[in-house]
Amino acid sequence: MSRTHKLFAMFGLALLFSVSPLSAWAGDEPTIWNQLGHLHPVILHFPIAWLILLVFIDLGAYLFNRAGWERWGLYTHILTLLACLPAVGTGVLLEEGFEDSWPDATHALAEQHELLMFIVTGVIAAALVWRLAWRNQPARWGKAVYLLLLLAAVGLIGYGAHLGGILVHGEDFFKVFSLPF
C-alpha cells in the first residue's frame, strides 16, 4: 500500500470514528453501521448542492439553447442521483439507531422526512429517465416537463431539509422574522 493510500485510509477511519457517538445516547453499542449513519450530517449536503447546480445548468441550457451545457447537465444529473444514495442510506442507518428512544411525534417526523427523501430520490431518477428518453427530441415541451420535475425535486428537498432541521435543532430552529402588523 502506497503512502498516499495509507494517508487516505487513516483519514477515512479518523472521519468515521470522530463523529460524536450519538448511538450511545440511544443505548446502542457502536457498530460500523451506526457509525456510518453518523456521517449523514456531512453527506446530506452533496445532493442538495448538486441538485441546485443541475437546475442552474439545465435552466441555462434551456433558456440560452446551449447544447454543450446539456452534456454537462447530464453528467451533473448522474452525480446528483449518485449523491442521493449515500445521503439516504446514511439517514436510514442513523434513524435505526434512534427509533426506539424517540417519542412518537419525533418518530413520525423522522418517518415523514425519510419518505420525502425517498420521493426526492425517485423524482431525480425519473427526471433522469425522462431526460434520456427526450435527449434527441426537438420538442421543447419535453424539456419543460423535465425542468418542472427538477424544480419539484428542489422544492421537495428543501422541505425535507427543513424537516431534518426540526429533527436536529427543534421546532423553533428556523424562525422567519415576524412582520410588525
C-alpha atoms as a PDB file:
ATOM      1  CA  MET A   1       0.000   0.000   0.000  1.00  0.00           C
ATOM      2  CA  SER A   2       1.432   3.341  -1.009  1.00  0.00           C
ATOM      3  CA  ARG A   3       1.920   6.239   1.363  1.00  0.00           C
ATOM      4  CA  THR A   4      -0.986   8.130  -0.221  1.00  0.00           C
ATOM      5  CA  HIS A   5      -3.326   5.172   0.197  1.00  0.00           C
ATOM      6  CA  LYS A   6      -2.338   4.825   3.843  1.00  0.00           C
ATOM      7  CA  LEU A   7      -2.963   8.528   4.394  1.00  0.00           C
ATOM      8  CA  PHE A   8      -6.433   8.322   2.841  1.00  0.00           C
ATOM      9  CA  ALA A   9      -7.232   5.182   4.847  1.00  0.00           C
ATOM     10  CA  MET A  10      -6.181   6.872   8.099  1.00  0.00           C
ATOM     11  CA  PHE A  11      -8.188   9.992   7.212  1.00  0.00           C
ATOM     12  CA  GLY A  12     -11.244   7.871   6.408  1.00  0.00           C
ATOM     13  CA  LEU A  13     -11.022   5.955   9.668  1.00  0.00           C
ATOM     14  CA  ALA A  14     -10.493   9.170  11.628  1.00  0.00           C
ATOM     15  CA  LEU A  15     -13.548  10.710   9.971  1.00  0.00           C
ATOM     16  CA  LEU A  16     -15.622   7.600  10.577  1.00  0.00           C
ATOM     17  CA  PHE A  17     -14.845   7.397  14.284  1.00  0.00           C
ATOM     18  CA  SER A  18     -14.556  11.110  15.072  1.00  0.00           C
ATOM     19  CA  VAL A  19     -18.265  11.723  14.666  1.00  0.00           C
ATOM     20  CA  SER A  20     -19.970  12.120  18.032  1.00  0.00           C
ATOM     21  CA  PRO A  21     -21.239   8.828  19.481  1.00  0.00           C
ATOM     22  CA  LEU A  22     -24.938   9.649  19.158  1.00  0.00           C
ATOM     23  CA  SER A  23     -25.814   5.970  19.275  1.00  0.00           C
ATOM     24  CA  ALA A  24     -24.629   5.869  22.881  1.00  0.00           C
ATOM     25  CA  TRP A  25     -27.494   8.227  23.726  1.00  0.00           C
ATOM     26  CA  ALA A  26     -29.910   5.617  22.451  1.00  0.00           C
ATOM     27  CA  GLY A  27     -28.178   2.908  24.473  1.00  0.00           C
ATOM     28  CA  ASP A  28     -26.763   1.032  21.475  1.00  0.00           C
ATOM     29  CA  GLU A  29     -23.311  -0.431  21.240  1.00  0.00           C
ATOM     30  CA  PRO A  30     -21.341   1.355  18.493  1.00  0.00           C
ATOM     31  CA  THR A  31     -21.181  -0.682  15.316  1.00  0.00           C
ATOM     32  CA  ILE A  32     -19.794   0.104  11.909  1.00  0.00           C
ATOM     33  CA  TRP A  33     -23.357   0.595  10.630  1.00  0.00           C
ATOM     34  CA  ASN A  34     -24.496   3.165  13.164  1.00  0.00           C
ATOM     35  CA  GLN A  35     -21.128   4.892  12.887  1.00  0.00           C
ATOM     36  CA  LEU A  36     -21.730   5.190   9.127  1.00  0.00           C
ATOM     37  CA  GLY A  37     -25.122   6.670   9.976  1.00  0.00           C
ATOM     38  CA  HIS A  38     -23.357   9.459  11.837  1.00  0.00           C
ATOM     39  CA  LEU A  39     -21.865  10.602   8.538  1.00  0.00           C
ATOM     40  CA  HIS A  40     -25.354  11.658   7.428  1.00  0.00           C
ATOM     41  CA  PRO A  41     -24.926  15.308   8.539  1.00  0.00           C
ATOM     42  CA  VAL A  42     -21.791  15.524   6.393  1.00  0.00           C
ATOM     43  CA  ILE A  43     -23.035  13.649   3.330  1.00  0.00           C
ATOM     44  CA  LEU A  44     -26.541  15.105   3.065  1.00  0.00           C
ATOM     45  CA  HIS A  45     -25.327  18.435   1.668  1.00  0.00           C
ATOM     46  CA  PHE A  46     -23.890  16.929  -1.516  1.00  0.00           C
ATOM     47  CA  PRO A  47     -27.189  16.042  -3.221  1.00  0.00           C
ATOM     48  CA  ILE A  48     -28.609  19.440  -2.306  1.00  0.00           C
ATOM     49  CA  ALA A  49     -25.655  21.261  -3.843  1.00  0.00           C
ATOM     50  CA  TRP A  50     -25.576  19.023  -6.940  1.00  0.00           C
ATOM     51  CA  LEU A  51     -29.326  19.460  -7.465  1.00  0.00           C
ATOM     52  CA  ILE A  52     -29.138  23.245  -7.291  1.00  0.00           C
ATOM     53  CA  LEU A  53     -26.172  23.267  -9.691  1.00  0.00           C
ATOM     54  CA  LEU A  54     -28.082  20.932 -12.014  1.00  0.00           C
ATOM     55  CA  VAL A  55     -31.073  23.270 -12.112  1.00  0.00           C
ATOM     56  CA  PHE A  56     -28.863  26.236 -12.996  1.00  0.00           C
ATOM     57  CA  ILE A  57     -27.035  24.317 -15.740  1.00  0.00           C
ATOM     58  CA  ASP A  58     -30.167  22.858 -17.299  1.00  0.00           C
ATOM     59  CA  LEU A  59     -32.174  26.057 -16.993  1.00  0.00           C
ATOM     60  CA  GLY A  60     -29.330  27.916 -18.720  1.00  0.00           C
ATOM     61  CA  ALA A  61     -29.143  25.257 -21.442  1.00  0.00           C
ATOM     62  CA  TYR A  62     -32.907  25.556 -21.970  1.00  0.00           C
ATOM     63  CA  LEU A  63     -33.103  29.356 -21.957  1.00  0.00           C
ATOM     64  CA  PHE A  64     -29.949  30.044 -23.978  1.00  0.00           C
ATOM     65  CA  ASN A  65     -30.167  26.957 -26.233  1.00  0.00           C
ATOM     66  CA  ARG A  66     -26.669  25.699 -25.362  1.00  0.00           C
ATOM     67  CA  ALA A  67     -26.067  22.107 -26.434  1.00  0.00           C
ATOM     68  CA  GLY A  68     -22.747  21.900 -24.573  1.00  0.00           C
ATOM     69  CA  TRP A  69     -24.452  22.788 -21.323  1.00  0.00           C
ATOM     70  CA  GLU A  70     -26.873  19.900 -21.807  1.00  0.00           C
ATOM     71  CA  ARG A  71     -23.976  17.454 -21.867  1.00  0.00           C
ATOM     72  CA  TRP A  72     -22.622  18.896 -18.608  1.00  0.00           C
ATOM     73  CA  GLY A  73     -26.141  18.815 -17.238  1.00  0.00           C
ATOM     74  CA  LEU A  74     -26.322  15.094 -17.939  1.00  0.00           C
ATOM     75  CA  TYR A  75     -23.068  14.480 -16.055  1.00  0.00           C
ATOM     76  CA  THR A  76     -24.275  16.655 -13.185  1.00  0.00           C
ATOM     77  CA  HIS A  77     -27.599  14.818 -13.129  1.00  0.00           C
ATOM     78  CA  ILE A  78     -25.859  11.465 -12.786  1.00  0.00           C
ATOM     79  CA  LEU A  79     -23.697  12.852  -9.961  1.00  0.00           C
ATOM     80  CA  THR A  80     -26.804  14.261  -8.269  1.00  0.00           C
ATOM     81  CA  LEU A  81     -28.520  10.879  -8.319  1.00  0.00           C
ATOM     82  CA  LEU A  82     -25.380   9.112  -7.117  1.00  0.00           C
ATOM     83  CA  ALA A  83     -25.023  11.641  -4.267  1.00  0.00           C
ATOM     84  CA  CYS A  84     -28.579  10.892  -3.135  1.00  0.00           C
ATOM     85  CA  LEU A  85     -27.810   7.233  -2.490  1.00  0.00           C
ATOM     86  CA  PRO A  86     -25.301   7.615   0.381  1.00  0.00           C
ATOM     87  CA  ALA A  87     -27.314  10.504   1.839  1.00  0.00           C
ATOM     88  CA  VAL A  88     -30.461   8.387   2.012  1.00  0.00           C
ATOM     89  CA  GLY A  89     -28.510   5.315   3.128  1.00  0.00           C
ATOM     90  CA  THR A  90     -26.747   7.056   5.997  1.00  0.00           C
ATOM     91  CA  GLY A  91     -30.049   8.650   7.020  1.00  0.00           C
ATOM     92  CA  VAL A  92     -31.688   5.238   7.266  1.00  0.00           C
ATOM     93  CA  LEU A  93     -28.736   3.922   9.289  1.00  0.00           C
ATOM     94  CA  LEU A  94     -28.868   6.930  11.604  1.00  0.00           C
ATOM     95  CA  GLU A  95     -32.596   6.608  12.163  1.00  0.00           C
ATOM     96  CA  GLU A  96     -32.294   2.923  13.061  1.00  0.00           C
ATOM     97  CA  GLY A  97     -30.041   3.882  15.964  1.00  0.00           C
ATOM     98  CA  PHE A  98     -32.632   6.239  17.416  1.00  0.00           C
ATOM     99  CA  GLU A  99     -36.105   4.988  16.600  1.00  0.00           C
ATOM    100  CA  ASP A 100     -36.535   3.039  19.861  1.00  0.00           C
ATOM    101  CA  SER A 101     -35.701   6.054  22.017  1.00  0.00           C
ATOM    102  CA  TRP A 102     -37.750   8.732  20.217  1.00  0.00           C
ATOM    103  CA  PRO A 103     -41.171   9.896  21.324  1.00  0.00           C
ATOM    104  CA  ASP A 104     -43.991   9.113  18.884  1.00  0.00           C
ATOM    105  CA  ALA A 105     -44.135  12.656  17.447  1.00  0.00           C
ATOM    106  CA  THR A 106     -40.403  12.695  16.710  1.00  0.00           C
ATOM    107  CA  HIS A 107     -40.574   9.233  15.177  1.00  0.00           C
ATOM    108  CA  ALA A 108     -43.469  10.333  12.933  1.00  0.00           C
ATOM    109  CA  LEU A 109     -41.494  13.388  11.831  1.00  0.00           C
ATOM    110  CA  ALA A 110     -38.457  11.220  11.078  1.00  0.00           C
ATOM    111  CA  GLU A 111     -40.616   8.854   9.022  1.00  0.00           C
ATOM    112  CA  GLN A 112     -42.054  11.807   7.087  1.00  0.00           C
ATOM    113  CA  HIS A 113     -38.546  13.149   6.448  1.00  0.00           C
ATOM    114  CA  GLU A 114     -37.348   9.711   5.336  1.00  0.00           C
ATOM    115  CA  LEU A 115     -40.303   9.161   2.986  1.00  0.00           C
ATOM    116  CA  LEU A 116     -39.864  12.604   1.477  1.00  0.00           C
ATOM    117  CA  MET A 117     -36.193  11.971   0.755  1.00  0.00           C
ATOM    118  CA  PHE A 118     -37.030   8.652  -0.892  1.00  0.00           C
ATOM    119  CA  ILE A 119     -39.551  10.556  -3.051  1.00  0.00           C
ATOM    120  CA  VAL A 120     -36.939  13.193  -3.919  1.00  0.00           C
ATOM    121  CA  THR A 121     -34.514  10.473  -4.998  1.00  0.00           C
ATOM    122  CA  GLY A 122     -37.280   8.913  -7.089  1.00  0.00           C
ATOM    123  CA  VAL A 123     -38.138  12.246  -8.738  1.00  0.00           C
ATOM    124  CA  ILE A 124     -34.466  12.821  -9.578  1.00  0.00           C
ATOM    125  CA  ALA A 125     -34.249   9.305 -11.045  1.00  0.00           C
ATOM    126  CA  ALA A 126     -37.498   9.809 -13.014  1.00  0.00           C
ATOM    127  CA  ALA A 127     -36.185  13.117 -14.348  1.00  0.00           C
ATOM    128  CA  LEU A 128     -33.010  11.362 -15.496  1.00  0.00           C
ATOM    129  CA  VAL A 129     -35.042   8.696 -17.304  1.00  0.00           C
ATOM    130  CA  TRP A 130     -37.187  11.443 -18.873  1.00  0.00           C
ATOM    131  CA  ARG A 131     -34.053  13.331 -19.888  1.00  0.00           C
ATOM    132  CA  LEU A 132     -32.543  10.288 -21.567  1.00  0.00           C
ATOM    133  CA  ALA A 133     -35.824   9.482 -23.340  1.00  0.00           C
ATOM    134  CA  TRP A 134     -36.164  13.031 -24.696  1.00  0.00           C
ATOM    135  CA  ARG A 135     -32.457  13.667 -25.291  1.00  0.00           C
ATOM    136  CA  ASN A 136     -32.621  13.694 -29.103  1.00  0.00           C
ATOM    137  CA  GLN A 137     -36.158  15.064 -29.495  1.00  0.00           C
ATOM    138  CA  PRO A 138     -36.657  18.586 -30.843  1.00  0.00           C
ATOM    139  CA  ALA A 139     -39.829  19.260 -28.817  1.00  0.00           C
ATOM    140  CA  ARG A 140     -39.162  21.931 -26.212  1.00  0.00           C
ATOM    141  CA  TRP A 141     -42.166  20.898 -24.118  1.00  0.00           C
ATOM    142  CA  GLY A 142     -40.365  17.665 -23.216  1.00  0.00           C
ATOM    143  CA  LYS A 143     -37.519  19.706 -21.785  1.00  0.00           C
ATOM    144  CA  ALA A 144     -40.008  21.945 -19.989  1.00  0.00           C
ATOM    145  CA  VAL A 145     -41.558  18.890 -18.292  1.00  0.00           C
ATOM    146  CA  TYR A 146     -38.055  17.791 -17.316  1.00  0.00           C
ATOM    147  CA  LEU A 147     -37.285  21.190 -15.779  1.00  0.00           C
ATOM    148  CA  LEU A 148     -40.570  21.108 -13.869  1.00  0.00           C
ATOM    149  CA  LEU A 149     -39.551  17.734 -12.423  1.00  0.00           C
ATOM    150  CA  LEU A 150     -36.244  19.245 -11.310  1.00  0.00           C
ATOM    151  CA  LEU A 151     -37.956  22.254  -9.750  1.00  0.00           C
ATOM    152  CA  ALA A 152     -40.326  19.890  -7.922  1.00  0.00           C
ATOM    153  CA  ALA A 153     -37.284  17.994  -6.628  1.00  0.00           C
ATOM    154  CA  VAL A 154     -35.758  21.264  -5.379  1.00  0.00           C
ATOM    155  CA  GLY A 155     -38.951  22.171  -3.540  1.00  0.00           C
ATOM    156  CA  LEU A 156     -39.286  18.705  -2.027  1.00  0.00           C
ATOM    157  CA  ILE A 157     -35.650  18.533  -0.955  1.00  0.00           C
ATOM    158  CA  GLY A 158     -35.964  21.982   0.604  1.00  0.00           C
ATOM    159  CA  TYR A 159     -38.993  20.924   2.647  1.00  0.00           C
ATOM    160  CA  GLY A 160     -37.336  17.626   3.556  1.00  0.00           C
ATOM    161  CA  ALA A 161     -34.235  19.507   4.711  1.00  0.00           C
ATOM    162  CA  HIS A 162     -36.476  21.703   6.849  1.00  0.00           C
ATOM    163  CA  LEU A 163     -37.965  18.594   8.482  1.00  0.00           C
ATOM    164  CA  GLY A 164     -34.446  17.277   9.082  1.00  0.00           C
ATOM    165  CA  GLY A 165     -33.533  20.594  10.679  1.00  0.00           C
ATOM    166  CA  ILE A 166     -36.505  20.287  13.015  1.00  0.00           C
ATOM    167  CA  LEU A 167     -35.355  16.787  13.983  1.00  0.00           C
ATOM    168  CA  VAL A 168     -31.870  18.008  14.861  1.00  0.00           C
ATOM    169  CA  HIS A 169     -32.441  21.521  16.214  1.00  0.00           C
ATOM    170  CA  GLY A 170     -36.037  21.500  17.431  1.00  0.00           C
ATOM    171  CA  GLU A 171     -39.220  23.079  16.176  1.00  0.00           C
ATOM    172  CA  ASP A 172     -38.073  26.688  16.509  1.00  0.00           C
ATOM    173  CA  PHE A 173     -34.760  26.344  14.695  1.00  0.00           C
ATOM    174  CA  PHE A 174     -35.742  28.433  11.664  1.00  0.00           C
ATOM    175  CA  LYS A 175     -37.971  31.290  12.660  1.00  0.00           C
ATOM    176  CA  VAL A 176     -38.748  33.760   9.939  1.00  0.00           C
ATOM    177  CA  PHE A 177     -38.810  37.316  11.172  1.00  0.00           C
ATOM    178  CA  SER A 178     -42.257  38.474  12.277  1.00  0.00           C
ATOM    179  CA  LEU A 179     -43.982  41.268  10.460  1.00  0.00           C
ATOM    180  CA  PRO A 180     -44.940  44.340  12.521  1.00  0.00           C
ATOM    181  CA  PHE A 181     -48.654  44.001  11.714  1.00  0.00           C
END
